[in-house]
Amino acid sequence: MSWQVVIPLKRAGDRKQRLAPHFSPAARHALSEALFDHVVDTVARVGRIGGVHVLSPGAPTRPSLGWLCDGGRGLNPELAAACVLLAPADILILHADLPLLAPADLEALIDAGVRHGCAIAPDRHGAGTNAIALTAGRTLPFRFGPGSLRRHLAAADGRAERVERPGLALDCDTPDDIAVAARSGFRWPIAADTHRAA
């Protein structure tokens, strides 16, 4: 079974806007690039993954990555369209900002997806959704946004496994998230540019 991964990625200048009061644009760009590189490099170490596609307004710079053009309709309809384009396939939707992600986390998510047809990974607060695995033919109305975990579980109607692992749970949206990642050993090149420019 070969899985296709879809990684949504905003246009460079639009990433990590919630960190704008704390980091300069250059620092946020460096952070988002380091997180994305980590996620892509981790995915590449999982043998059951057959392809990686970036859902973005602009084509990725890595030639090994596929590109699904984000037409600006919003994340949920764009993901739905991406799944149609990739069908029939086992699909893993994965956020691009998971600093502790490890191959074992993806293996656990895929295993759960195989068992139930759908697996959902919550964020560390139990409110958002950081990853979804769907086997071929299984559909799920995407409900990314505030409180998405509850809405995704409701849409799955009891036919999904919840996968809770630190590597899938920590995303970087706040300074506290970044501090947790740093204490766990993740590093990125922003030490000289940590404060927002005046």
N, C-alpha and C. Protein backbone atom coordinates (compact mmCIF):
# COMPACT_ATOMS: atom_id res chain seq x y z
N MET A 1 0.84 -1.19 0.00
CA MET A 1 0.00 0.00 0.00
C MET A 1 0.88 1.24 0.00
N SER A 2 0.71 2.11 -1.00
CA SER A 2 1.53 3.31 -1.13
C SER A 2 0.67 4.55 -0.90
N TRP A 3 1.05 5.33 0.07
CA TRP A 3 0.28 6.51 0.46
C TRP A 3 0.79 7.75 -0.26
N GLN A 4 -0.15 8.65 -0.54
CA GLN A 4 0.17 9.95 -1.12
C GLN A 4 -0.04 11.02 -0.03
N VAL A 5 0.98 11.82 0.18
CA VAL A 5 0.93 12.85 1.21
C VAL A 5 0.63 14.21 0.58
N VAL A 6 -0.27 14.95 1.20
CA VAL A 6 -0.58 16.31 0.78
C VAL A 6 -0.21 17.25 1.92
N ILE A 7 0.67 18.20 1.64
CA ILE A 7 1.13 19.17 2.65
C ILE A 7 0.68 20.56 2.21
N PRO A 8 -0.33 21.13 2.87
CA PRO A 8 -0.71 22.52 2.53
C PRO A 8 0.39 23.49 2.95
N LEU A 9 0.67 24.45 2.08
CA LEU A 9 1.72 25.43 2.38
C LEU A 9 1.30 26.77 1.80
N LYS A 10 1.16 27.77 2.68
CA LYS A 10 0.75 29.10 2.23
C LYS A 10 1.87 29.77 1.44
N ARG A 11 1.51 30.82 0.74
CA ARG A 11 2.51 31.66 0.08
C ARG A 11 3.48 32.18 1.14
N ALA A 12 4.75 32.32 0.77
CA ALA A 12 5.80 32.63 1.75
C ALA A 12 5.46 33.80 2.66
N GLY A 13 4.96 34.88 2.11
CA GLY A 13 4.68 36.06 2.92
C GLY A 13 3.47 35.93 3.83
N ASP A 14 2.67 34.88 3.63
CA ASP A 14 1.45 34.70 4.42
C ASP A 14 1.60 33.70 5.56
N ARG A 15 2.76 33.10 5.69
CA ARG A 15 2.93 32.05 6.70
C ARG A 15 3.18 32.63 8.09
N LYS A 16 2.70 31.91 9.09
CA LYS A 16 2.96 32.21 10.50
C LYS A 16 2.58 33.64 10.89
N GLN A 17 1.41 34.08 10.43
CA GLN A 17 0.96 35.44 10.74
C GLN A 17 0.68 35.62 12.23
N ARG A 18 0.30 34.54 12.92
CA ARG A 18 0.02 34.68 14.36
C ARG A 18 1.29 34.99 15.16
N LEU A 19 2.44 34.75 14.55
CA LEU A 19 3.71 35.05 15.22
C LEU A 19 4.23 36.44 14.87
N ALA A 20 3.49 37.19 14.06
CA ALA A 20 3.96 38.51 13.60
C ALA A 20 4.29 39.47 14.75
N PRO A 21 3.53 39.46 15.88
CA PRO A 21 3.90 40.38 16.96
C PRO A 21 5.21 40.03 17.64
N HIS A 22 5.73 38.83 17.39
CA HIS A 22 6.89 38.35 18.13
C HIS A 22 8.14 38.16 17.27
N PHE A 23 7.95 37.96 15.96
CA PHE A 23 9.09 37.68 15.09
C PHE A 23 9.01 38.56 13.85
N SER A 24 10.17 38.93 13.35
CA SER A 24 10.22 39.70 12.11
C SER A 24 9.81 38.82 10.93
N PRO A 25 9.49 39.43 9.80
CA PRO A 25 9.17 38.63 8.62
C PRO A 25 10.29 37.66 8.23
N ALA A 26 11.54 38.10 8.34
CA ALA A 26 12.66 37.22 7.99
C ALA A 26 12.73 36.01 8.93
N ALA A 27 12.49 36.25 10.21
CA ALA A 27 12.53 35.15 11.17
C ALA A 27 11.39 34.18 10.93
N ARG A 28 10.20 34.71 10.64
CA ARG A 28 9.05 33.83 10.38
C ARG A 28 9.26 33.01 9.12
N HIS A 29 9.88 33.62 8.11
CA HIS A 29 10.16 32.87 6.89
C HIS A 29 11.16 31.74 7.16
N ALA A 30 12.22 32.06 7.91
CA ALA A 30 13.22 31.04 8.24
C ALA A 30 12.59 29.91 9.05
N LEU A 31 11.71 30.27 9.97
CA LEU A 31 11.04 29.27 10.78
C LEU A 31 10.16 28.37 9.93
N SER A 32 9.34 28.97 9.07
CA SER A 32 8.43 28.17 8.25
C SER A 32 9.19 27.26 7.30
N GLU A 33 10.29 27.74 6.75
CA GLU A 33 11.09 26.92 5.84
C GLU A 33 11.74 25.75 6.58
N ALA A 34 12.26 26.01 7.79
CA ALA A 34 12.89 24.94 8.57
C ALA A 34 11.87 23.88 8.97
N LEU A 35 10.68 24.30 9.36
CA LEU A 35 9.63 23.35 9.73
C LEU A 35 9.20 22.52 8.53
N PHE A 36 8.99 23.18 7.39
CA PHE A 36 8.59 22.47 6.18
C PHE A 36 9.66 21.46 5.77
N ASP A 37 10.92 21.88 5.79
CA ASP A 37 12.01 20.97 5.42
C ASP A 37 12.04 19.75 6.34
N HIS A 38 11.81 19.99 7.63
CA HIS A 38 11.81 18.87 8.58
C HIS A 38 10.69 17.89 8.27
N VAL A 39 9.49 18.41 7.99
CA VAL A 39 8.35 17.54 7.69
C VAL A 39 8.62 16.73 6.42
N VAL A 40 9.09 17.40 5.37
CA VAL A 40 9.36 16.71 4.10
C VAL A 40 10.46 15.65 4.27
N ASP A 41 11.52 15.99 4.99
CA ASP A 41 12.60 15.04 5.20
C ASP A 41 12.13 13.83 6.02
N THR A 42 11.24 14.06 6.96
CA THR A 42 10.70 12.96 7.77
C THR A 42 9.82 12.05 6.92
N VAL A 43 8.97 12.66 6.11
CA VAL A 43 8.10 11.87 5.23
C VAL A 43 8.92 10.98 4.31
N ALA A 44 10.06 11.48 3.83
CA ALA A 44 10.90 10.73 2.90
C ALA A 44 11.48 9.47 3.52
N ARG A 45 11.46 9.38 4.83
CA ARG A 45 12.03 8.21 5.52
C ARG A 45 10.99 7.12 5.79
N VAL A 46 9.78 7.29 5.31
CA VAL A 46 8.71 6.31 5.53
C VAL A 46 8.47 5.54 4.23
N GLY A 47 8.76 4.27 4.26
CA GLY A 47 8.72 3.47 3.04
C GLY A 47 7.36 3.32 2.41
N ARG A 48 6.30 3.40 3.20
CA ARG A 48 4.96 3.21 2.66
C ARG A 48 4.40 4.44 1.96
N ILE A 49 5.15 5.53 1.96
CA ILE A 49 4.71 6.75 1.29
C ILE A 49 5.29 6.79 -0.11
N GLY A 50 4.40 6.88 -1.09
CA GLY A 50 4.84 6.82 -2.48
C GLY A 50 5.01 8.16 -3.16
N GLY A 51 4.44 9.21 -2.60
CA GLY A 51 4.55 10.53 -3.23
C GLY A 51 4.20 11.62 -2.26
N VAL A 52 4.79 12.79 -2.46
CA VAL A 52 4.54 13.95 -1.61
C VAL A 52 4.14 15.12 -2.50
N HIS A 53 3.01 15.74 -2.18
CA HIS A 53 2.47 16.82 -2.99
C HIS A 53 2.26 18.05 -2.11
N VAL A 54 2.76 19.18 -2.57
CA VAL A 54 2.59 20.44 -1.84
C VAL A 54 1.38 21.16 -2.43
N LEU A 55 0.42 21.45 -1.57
CA LEU A 55 -0.76 22.22 -1.97
C LEU A 55 -0.46 23.69 -1.68
N SER A 56 -0.15 24.44 -2.72
CA SER A 56 0.36 25.79 -2.52
C SER A 56 0.07 26.65 -3.75
N PRO A 57 -0.01 27.99 -3.55
CA PRO A 57 -0.18 28.87 -4.71
C PRO A 57 1.02 28.84 -5.67
N GLY A 58 2.21 28.54 -5.13
CA GLY A 58 3.41 28.50 -5.95
C GLY A 58 4.06 27.13 -5.93
N ALA A 59 4.73 26.77 -7.01
CA ALA A 59 5.36 25.46 -7.12
C ALA A 59 6.50 25.33 -6.12
N PRO A 60 6.70 24.13 -5.54
CA PRO A 60 7.80 23.92 -4.60
C PRO A 60 9.14 23.97 -5.31
N THR A 61 10.18 24.32 -4.56
CA THR A 61 11.52 24.40 -5.14
C THR A 61 12.19 23.04 -5.20
N ARG A 62 11.72 22.09 -4.44
CA ARG A 62 12.31 20.74 -4.49
C ARG A 62 11.72 19.97 -5.67
N PRO A 63 12.55 19.51 -6.60
CA PRO A 63 12.02 18.80 -7.76
C PRO A 63 11.37 17.46 -7.43
N SER A 64 11.67 16.91 -6.26
CA SER A 64 11.09 15.61 -5.88
C SER A 64 9.65 15.73 -5.42
N LEU A 65 9.16 16.95 -5.20
CA LEU A 65 7.82 17.14 -4.68
C LEU A 65 6.83 17.44 -5.80
N GLY A 66 5.65 16.85 -5.70
CA GLY A 66 4.58 17.18 -6.62
C GLY A 66 3.95 18.50 -6.21
N TRP A 67 3.20 19.09 -7.13
CA TRP A 67 2.57 20.38 -6.85
C TRP A 67 1.09 20.32 -7.19
N LEU A 68 0.27 20.68 -6.22
CA LEU A 68 -1.16 20.86 -6.42
C LEU A 68 -1.44 22.34 -6.22
N CYS A 69 -1.89 23.01 -7.27
CA CYS A 69 -2.04 24.46 -7.21
C CYS A 69 -3.23 24.85 -6.32
N ASP A 70 -2.95 25.66 -5.32
CA ASP A 70 -3.99 26.22 -4.46
C ASP A 70 -4.60 27.42 -5.17
N GLY A 71 -5.86 27.28 -5.57
CA GLY A 71 -6.52 28.33 -6.32
C GLY A 71 -7.14 29.43 -5.48
N GLY A 72 -6.96 29.37 -4.15
CA GLY A 72 -7.43 30.44 -3.30
C GLY A 72 -8.86 30.33 -2.83
N ARG A 73 -9.45 29.13 -2.93
CA ARG A 73 -10.84 28.96 -2.50
C ARG A 73 -10.97 28.69 -1.01
N GLY A 74 -9.85 28.57 -0.30
CA GLY A 74 -9.86 28.21 1.12
C GLY A 74 -9.32 26.81 1.28
N LEU A 75 -8.74 26.53 2.45
CA LEU A 75 -8.05 25.26 2.67
C LEU A 75 -8.96 24.06 2.47
N ASN A 76 -10.15 24.08 3.05
CA ASN A 76 -11.00 22.89 2.99
C ASN A 76 -11.44 22.52 1.58
N PRO A 77 -11.96 23.45 0.78
CA PRO A 77 -12.28 23.07 -0.60
C PRO A 77 -11.06 22.71 -1.43
N GLU A 78 -9.92 23.35 -1.16
CA GLU A 78 -8.71 23.01 -1.91
C GLU A 78 -8.24 21.60 -1.59
N LEU A 79 -8.35 21.19 -0.33
CA LEU A 79 -7.99 19.82 0.05
C LEU A 79 -8.94 18.82 -0.58
N ALA A 80 -10.22 19.13 -0.60
CA ALA A 80 -11.20 18.24 -1.22
C ALA A 80 -10.87 18.05 -2.69
N ALA A 81 -10.52 19.13 -3.37
CA ALA A 81 -10.16 19.04 -4.79
C ALA A 81 -8.89 18.23 -4.99
N ALA A 82 -7.93 18.39 -4.08
CA ALA A 82 -6.68 17.64 -4.17
C ALA A 82 -6.93 16.14 -4.05
N CYS A 83 -7.82 15.76 -3.15
CA CYS A 83 -8.14 14.34 -2.98
C CYS A 83 -8.79 13.77 -4.24
N VAL A 84 -9.60 14.56 -4.88
CA VAL A 84 -10.22 14.11 -6.14
C VAL A 84 -9.14 13.90 -7.20
N LEU A 85 -8.19 14.82 -7.30
CA LEU A 85 -7.13 14.71 -8.28
C LEU A 85 -6.25 13.49 -8.05
N LEU A 86 -6.04 13.13 -6.79
CA LEU A 86 -5.15 12.02 -6.46
C LEU A 86 -5.86 10.67 -6.44
N ALA A 87 -7.18 10.67 -6.48
CA ALA A 87 -7.95 9.42 -6.40
C ALA A 87 -7.68 8.54 -7.64
N PRO A 88 -7.73 7.19 -7.46
CA PRO A 88 -7.91 6.52 -6.16
C PRO A 88 -6.56 6.35 -5.48
N ALA A 89 -6.47 6.77 -4.25
CA ALA A 89 -5.21 6.67 -3.51
C ALA A 89 -5.50 6.73 -2.03
N ASP A 90 -4.59 6.16 -1.26
CA ASP A 90 -4.60 6.37 0.18
C ASP A 90 -3.92 7.71 0.41
N ILE A 91 -4.57 8.59 1.16
CA ILE A 91 -4.10 9.97 1.26
C ILE A 91 -3.85 10.35 2.71
N LEU A 92 -2.75 11.03 2.93
CA LEU A 92 -2.39 11.54 4.24
C LEU A 92 -2.26 13.06 4.14
N ILE A 93 -3.12 13.78 4.84
CA ILE A 93 -3.05 15.25 4.91
C ILE A 93 -2.16 15.59 6.11
N LEU A 94 -1.14 16.39 5.89
CA LEU A 94 -0.16 16.63 6.94
C LEU A 94 0.22 18.10 6.98
N HIS A 95 0.12 18.71 8.16
CA HIS A 95 0.52 20.11 8.30
C HIS A 95 2.03 20.25 8.14
N ALA A 96 2.46 21.43 7.76
CA ALA A 96 3.86 21.67 7.42
C ALA A 96 4.68 22.22 8.58
N ASP A 97 4.10 22.25 9.79
CA ASP A 97 4.81 22.92 10.90
C ASP A 97 4.89 22.03 12.14
N LEU A 98 5.34 20.79 11.95
CA LEU A 98 5.42 19.81 13.04
C LEU A 98 6.88 19.53 13.37
N PRO A 99 7.47 20.26 14.32
CA PRO A 99 8.92 20.18 14.56
C PRO A 99 9.40 18.88 15.18
N LEU A 100 8.52 18.13 15.82
CA LEU A 100 8.93 16.89 16.48
C LEU A 100 8.52 15.65 15.69
N LEU A 101 8.00 15.84 14.49
CA LEU A 101 7.53 14.72 13.69
C LEU A 101 8.64 13.72 13.44
N ALA A 102 8.31 12.44 13.60
CA ALA A 102 9.26 11.34 13.38
C ALA A 102 8.59 10.29 12.51
N PRO A 103 9.38 9.46 11.82
CA PRO A 103 8.78 8.41 10.99
C PRO A 103 7.81 7.52 11.74
N ALA A 104 8.10 7.23 13.00
CA ALA A 104 7.21 6.37 13.79
C ALA A 104 5.82 6.99 13.96
N ASP A 105 5.76 8.31 14.01
CA ASP A 105 4.46 8.98 14.11
C ASP A 105 3.63 8.75 12.85
N LEU A 106 4.27 8.86 11.71
CA LEU A 106 3.56 8.65 10.45
C LEU A 106 3.17 7.19 10.28
N GLU A 107 4.03 6.29 10.71
CA GLU A 107 3.69 4.86 10.64
C GLU A 107 2.46 4.57 11.51
N ALA A 108 2.41 5.17 12.70
CA ALA A 108 1.26 4.96 13.59
C ALA A 108 -0.01 5.52 12.98
N LEU A 109 0.09 6.67 12.34
CA LEU A 109 -1.09 7.28 11.71
C LEU A 109 -1.58 6.43 10.54
N ILE A 110 -0.64 5.94 9.74
CA ILE A 110 -1.01 5.08 8.61
C ILE A 110 -1.63 3.78 9.10
N ASP A 111 -1.04 3.18 10.12
CA ASP A 111 -1.59 1.93 10.68
C ASP A 111 -3.03 2.14 11.13
N ALA A 112 -3.28 3.25 11.80
CA ALA A 112 -4.64 3.55 12.26
C ALA A 112 -5.57 3.78 11.09
N GLY A 113 -5.07 4.43 10.05
CA GLY A 113 -5.88 4.64 8.87
C GLY A 113 -6.25 3.33 8.20
N VAL A 114 -5.31 2.40 8.15
CA VAL A 114 -5.58 1.09 7.55
C VAL A 114 -6.64 0.34 8.37
N ARG A 115 -6.55 0.44 9.68
CA ARG A 115 -7.50 -0.27 10.54
C ARG A 115 -8.92 0.27 10.42
N HIS A 116 -9.06 1.58 10.31
CA HIS A 116 -10.39 2.19 10.39
C HIS A 116 -10.83 2.93 9.14
N GLY A 117 -9.94 3.06 8.16
CA GLY A 117 -10.27 3.83 6.96
C GLY A 117 -10.01 5.31 7.13
N CYS A 118 -9.99 5.76 8.38
CA CYS A 118 -9.76 7.18 8.68
C CYS A 118 -9.06 7.29 10.03
N ALA A 119 -8.02 8.10 10.09
CA ALA A 119 -7.33 8.37 11.34
C ALA A 119 -7.10 9.87 11.45
N ILE A 120 -7.27 10.41 12.64
CA ILE A 120 -7.19 11.86 12.86
C ILE A 120 -6.23 12.14 14.01
N ALA A 121 -5.26 13.04 13.77
CA ALA A 121 -4.28 13.39 14.80
C ALA A 121 -4.58 14.79 15.33
N PRO A 122 -4.91 14.91 16.62
CA PRO A 122 -5.20 16.24 17.19
C PRO A 122 -3.93 17.01 17.52
N ASP A 123 -4.08 18.33 17.70
CA ASP A 123 -2.96 19.12 18.21
C ASP A 123 -2.85 18.90 19.72
N ARG A 124 -1.83 19.49 20.32
CA ARG A 124 -1.55 19.20 21.73
C ARG A 124 -2.59 19.79 22.68
N HIS A 125 -3.43 20.69 22.18
CA HIS A 125 -4.49 21.27 23.00
C HIS A 125 -5.80 20.51 22.86
N GLY A 126 -5.83 19.53 21.98
CA GLY A 126 -7.06 18.76 21.78
C GLY A 126 -8.16 19.55 21.11
N ALA A 127 -7.79 20.56 20.33
CA ALA A 127 -8.78 21.41 19.68
C ALA A 127 -8.65 21.38 18.16
N GLY A 128 -7.42 21.44 17.67
CA GLY A 128 -7.18 21.46 16.23
C GLY A 128 -6.82 20.09 15.68
N THR A 129 -6.64 20.04 14.37
CA THR A 129 -6.29 18.81 13.68
C THR A 129 -4.99 19.03 12.91
N ASN A 130 -3.98 18.18 13.16
CA ASN A 130 -2.70 18.35 12.50
C ASN A 130 -2.44 17.36 11.37
N ALA A 131 -3.20 16.26 11.32
CA ALA A 131 -3.02 15.28 10.25
C ALA A 131 -4.25 14.40 10.14
N ILE A 132 -4.51 13.93 8.93
CA ILE A 132 -5.62 13.01 8.67
C ILE A 132 -5.14 11.96 7.68
N ALA A 133 -5.44 10.69 7.94
CA ALA A 133 -5.15 9.61 7.01
C ALA A 133 -6.47 9.03 6.52
N LEU A 134 -6.60 8.89 5.21
CA LEU A 134 -7.81 8.35 4.59
C LEU A 134 -7.43 7.28 3.58
N THR A 135 -7.98 6.09 3.72
CA THR A 135 -7.72 5.05 2.74
C THR A 135 -8.52 5.32 1.47
N ALA A 136 -8.10 4.69 0.38
CA ALA A 136 -8.73 4.90 -0.92
C ALA A 136 -10.23 4.63 -0.83
N GLY A 137 -11.00 5.55 -1.36
CA GLY A 137 -12.45 5.40 -1.34
C GLY A 137 -13.13 5.98 -0.12
N ARG A 138 -12.37 6.26 0.92
CA ARG A 138 -12.95 6.85 2.13
C ARG A 138 -12.93 8.37 2.01
N THR A 139 -14.01 8.99 2.29
CA THR A 139 -14.08 10.45 2.21
C THR A 139 -14.37 11.03 3.60
N LEU A 140 -13.99 12.28 3.76
CA LEU A 140 -14.26 13.00 5.00
C LEU A 140 -14.41 14.48 4.64
N PRO A 141 -15.51 15.11 5.03
CA PRO A 141 -15.62 16.55 4.79
C PRO A 141 -14.57 17.28 5.63
N PHE A 142 -13.67 17.99 4.99
CA PHE A 142 -12.61 18.67 5.73
C PHE A 142 -13.18 19.88 6.45
N ARG A 143 -12.76 20.03 7.71
CA ARG A 143 -13.27 21.09 8.57
C ARG A 143 -12.14 21.82 9.28
N PHE A 144 -11.01 22.01 8.59
CA PHE A 144 -9.89 22.69 9.22
C PHE A 144 -10.27 24.12 9.56
N GLY A 145 -9.71 24.60 10.68
CA GLY A 145 -10.04 25.89 11.23
C GLY A 145 -10.19 25.75 12.74
N PRO A 146 -10.56 26.81 13.45
CA PRO A 146 -10.72 26.73 14.91
C PRO A 146 -11.69 25.61 15.31
N GLY A 147 -11.28 24.79 16.28
CA GLY A 147 -12.14 23.72 16.75
C GLY A 147 -12.32 22.59 15.76
N SER A 148 -11.35 22.40 14.87
CA SER A 148 -11.53 21.42 13.80
C SER A 148 -11.57 19.97 14.28
N LEU A 149 -10.91 19.66 15.38
CA LEU A 149 -10.89 18.26 15.83
C LEU A 149 -12.31 17.77 16.12
N ARG A 150 -13.06 18.53 16.86
CA ARG A 150 -14.44 18.14 17.18
C ARG A 150 -15.26 17.97 15.91
N ARG A 151 -15.09 18.89 14.98
CA ARG A 151 -15.87 18.82 13.75
C ARG A 151 -15.44 17.64 12.86
N HIS A 152 -14.15 17.36 12.83
CA HIS A 152 -13.70 16.21 12.04
C HIS A 152 -14.20 14.90 12.64
N LEU A 153 -14.12 14.78 13.96
CA LEU A 153 -14.59 13.54 14.60
C LEU A 153 -16.09 13.37 14.38
N ALA A 154 -16.83 14.47 14.44
CA ALA A 154 -18.28 14.39 14.20
C ALA A 154 -18.56 13.98 12.76
N ALA A 155 -17.81 14.54 11.82
CA ALA A 155 -18.02 14.21 10.41
C ALA A 155 -17.68 12.75 10.13
N ALA A 156 -16.73 12.20 10.88
CA ALA A 156 -16.35 10.79 10.70
C ALA A 156 -17.40 9.84 11.26
N ASP A 157 -18.31 10.35 12.09
CA ASP A 157 -19.44 9.58 12.60
C ASP A 157 -19.00 8.29 13.29
N GLY A 158 -17.96 8.41 14.13
CA GLY A 158 -17.50 7.26 14.91
C GLY A 158 -16.64 6.28 14.15
N ARG A 159 -16.35 6.57 12.88
CA ARG A 159 -15.57 5.64 12.06
C ARG A 159 -14.17 6.19 11.80
N ALA A 160 -13.53 6.64 12.86
CA ALA A 160 -12.17 7.15 12.75
C ALA A 160 -11.43 6.84 14.05
N GLU A 161 -10.12 6.63 13.92
CA GLU A 161 -9.29 6.44 15.11
C GLU A 161 -8.53 7.72 15.40
N ARG A 162 -8.54 8.12 16.65
CA ARG A 162 -7.81 9.30 17.09
C ARG A 162 -6.39 8.88 17.45
N VAL A 163 -5.39 9.51 16.84
CA VAL A 163 -3.98 9.14 17.04
C VAL A 163 -3.28 10.27 17.76
N GLU A 164 -2.92 10.04 19.01
CA GLU A 164 -2.29 11.07 19.83
C GLU A 164 -0.82 10.72 20.06
N ARG A 165 0.05 11.49 19.44
CA ARG A 165 1.49 11.30 19.58
C ARG A 165 2.14 12.68 19.63
N PRO A 166 3.19 12.87 20.45
CA PRO A 166 3.82 14.19 20.56
C PRO A 166 4.30 14.74 19.22
N GLY A 167 4.82 13.87 18.35
CA GLY A 167 5.33 14.35 17.07
C GLY A 167 4.26 14.86 16.14
N LEU A 168 3.03 14.39 16.32
CA LEU A 168 1.91 14.87 15.52
C LEU A 168 1.16 16.01 16.21
N ALA A 169 1.33 16.12 17.51
CA ALA A 169 0.53 17.06 18.30
C ALA A 169 1.08 18.49 18.34
N LEU A 170 2.41 18.62 18.28
CA LEU A 170 3.01 19.95 18.44
C LEU A 170 3.16 20.64 17.09
N ASP A 171 2.39 21.69 16.87
CA ASP A 171 2.60 22.57 15.73
C ASP A 171 3.05 23.92 16.28
N CYS A 172 3.59 24.76 15.42
CA CYS A 172 4.21 26.01 15.89
C CYS A 172 3.40 27.22 15.47
N ASP A 173 2.48 27.62 16.34
CA ASP A 173 1.64 28.78 16.08
C ASP A 173 1.85 29.90 17.08
N THR A 174 2.47 29.61 18.23
CA THR A 174 2.65 30.60 19.28
C THR A 174 4.09 30.54 19.80
N PRO A 175 4.55 31.60 20.49
CA PRO A 175 5.88 31.54 21.11
C PRO A 175 6.02 30.37 22.08
N ASP A 176 4.93 30.01 22.77
CA ASP A 176 5.00 28.87 23.68
C ASP A 176 5.25 27.58 22.92
N ASP A 177 4.60 27.42 21.76
CA ASP A 177 4.85 26.23 20.93
C ASP A 177 6.32 26.15 20.55
N ILE A 178 6.89 27.28 20.18
CA ILE A 178 8.30 27.32 19.78
C ILE A 178 9.20 26.97 20.97
N ALA A 179 8.85 27.46 22.16
CA ALA A 179 9.64 27.14 23.35
C ALA A 179 9.59 25.65 23.66
N VAL A 180 8.42 25.04 23.51
CA VAL A 180 8.30 23.60 23.74
C VAL A 180 9.16 22.84 22.73
N ALA A 181 9.11 23.25 21.48
CA ALA A 181 9.92 22.59 20.45
C ALA A 181 11.40 22.74 20.74
N ALA A 182 11.82 23.92 21.18
CA ALA A 182 13.23 24.15 21.47
C ALA A 182 13.71 23.30 22.64
N ARG A 183 12.86 23.18 23.66
CA ARG A 183 13.24 22.33 24.81
C ARG A 183 13.35 20.86 24.41
N SER A 184 12.67 20.49 23.33
CA SER A 184 12.73 19.11 22.85
C SER A 184 13.85 18.89 21.84
N GLY A 185 14.62 19.94 21.56
CA GLY A 185 15.81 19.78 20.74
C GLY A 185 15.71 20.29 19.32
N PHE A 186 14.54 20.84 18.92
CA PHE A 186 14.44 21.32 17.55
C PHE A 186 15.09 22.70 17.44
N ARG A 187 15.86 22.91 16.38
CA ARG A 187 16.55 24.18 16.18
C ARG A 187 16.31 24.68 14.75
N TRP A 188 16.29 25.99 14.59
CA TRP A 188 16.21 26.58 13.26
C TRP A 188 17.02 27.87 13.26
N PRO A 189 17.40 28.36 12.09
CA PRO A 189 18.35 29.48 12.01
C PRO A 189 17.71 30.85 12.20
N ILE A 190 17.21 31.13 13.41
CA ILE A 190 16.63 32.46 13.64
C ILE A 190 17.21 33.14 14.88
N ALA A 191 18.29 32.59 15.42
CA ALA A 191 18.82 33.11 16.68
C ALA A 191 19.22 34.59 16.58
N ALA A 192 19.68 35.01 15.41
CA ALA A 192 20.12 36.41 15.27
C ALA A 192 18.97 37.36 14.92
N ASP A 193 17.77 36.82 14.79
CA ASP A 193 16.66 37.66 14.34
C ASP A 193 15.37 37.19 15.04
N THR A 194 15.34 37.30 16.36
CA THR A 194 14.24 36.73 17.11
C THR A 194 13.14 37.70 17.44
N HIS A 195 13.38 38.98 17.25
CA HIS A 195 12.36 39.96 17.62
C HIS A 195 11.81 40.66 16.38
N ARG A 196 10.59 41.04 16.50
CA ARG A 196 9.96 41.75 15.39
C ARG A 196 10.66 43.09 15.17
N ALA A 197 10.90 43.39 13.90
CA ALA A 197 11.53 44.67 13.58
C ALA A 197 10.58 45.81 13.92
N ALA A 198 11.12 46.90 14.44
CA ALA A 198 10.29 48.05 14.81
C ALA A 198 9.77 48.75 13.56
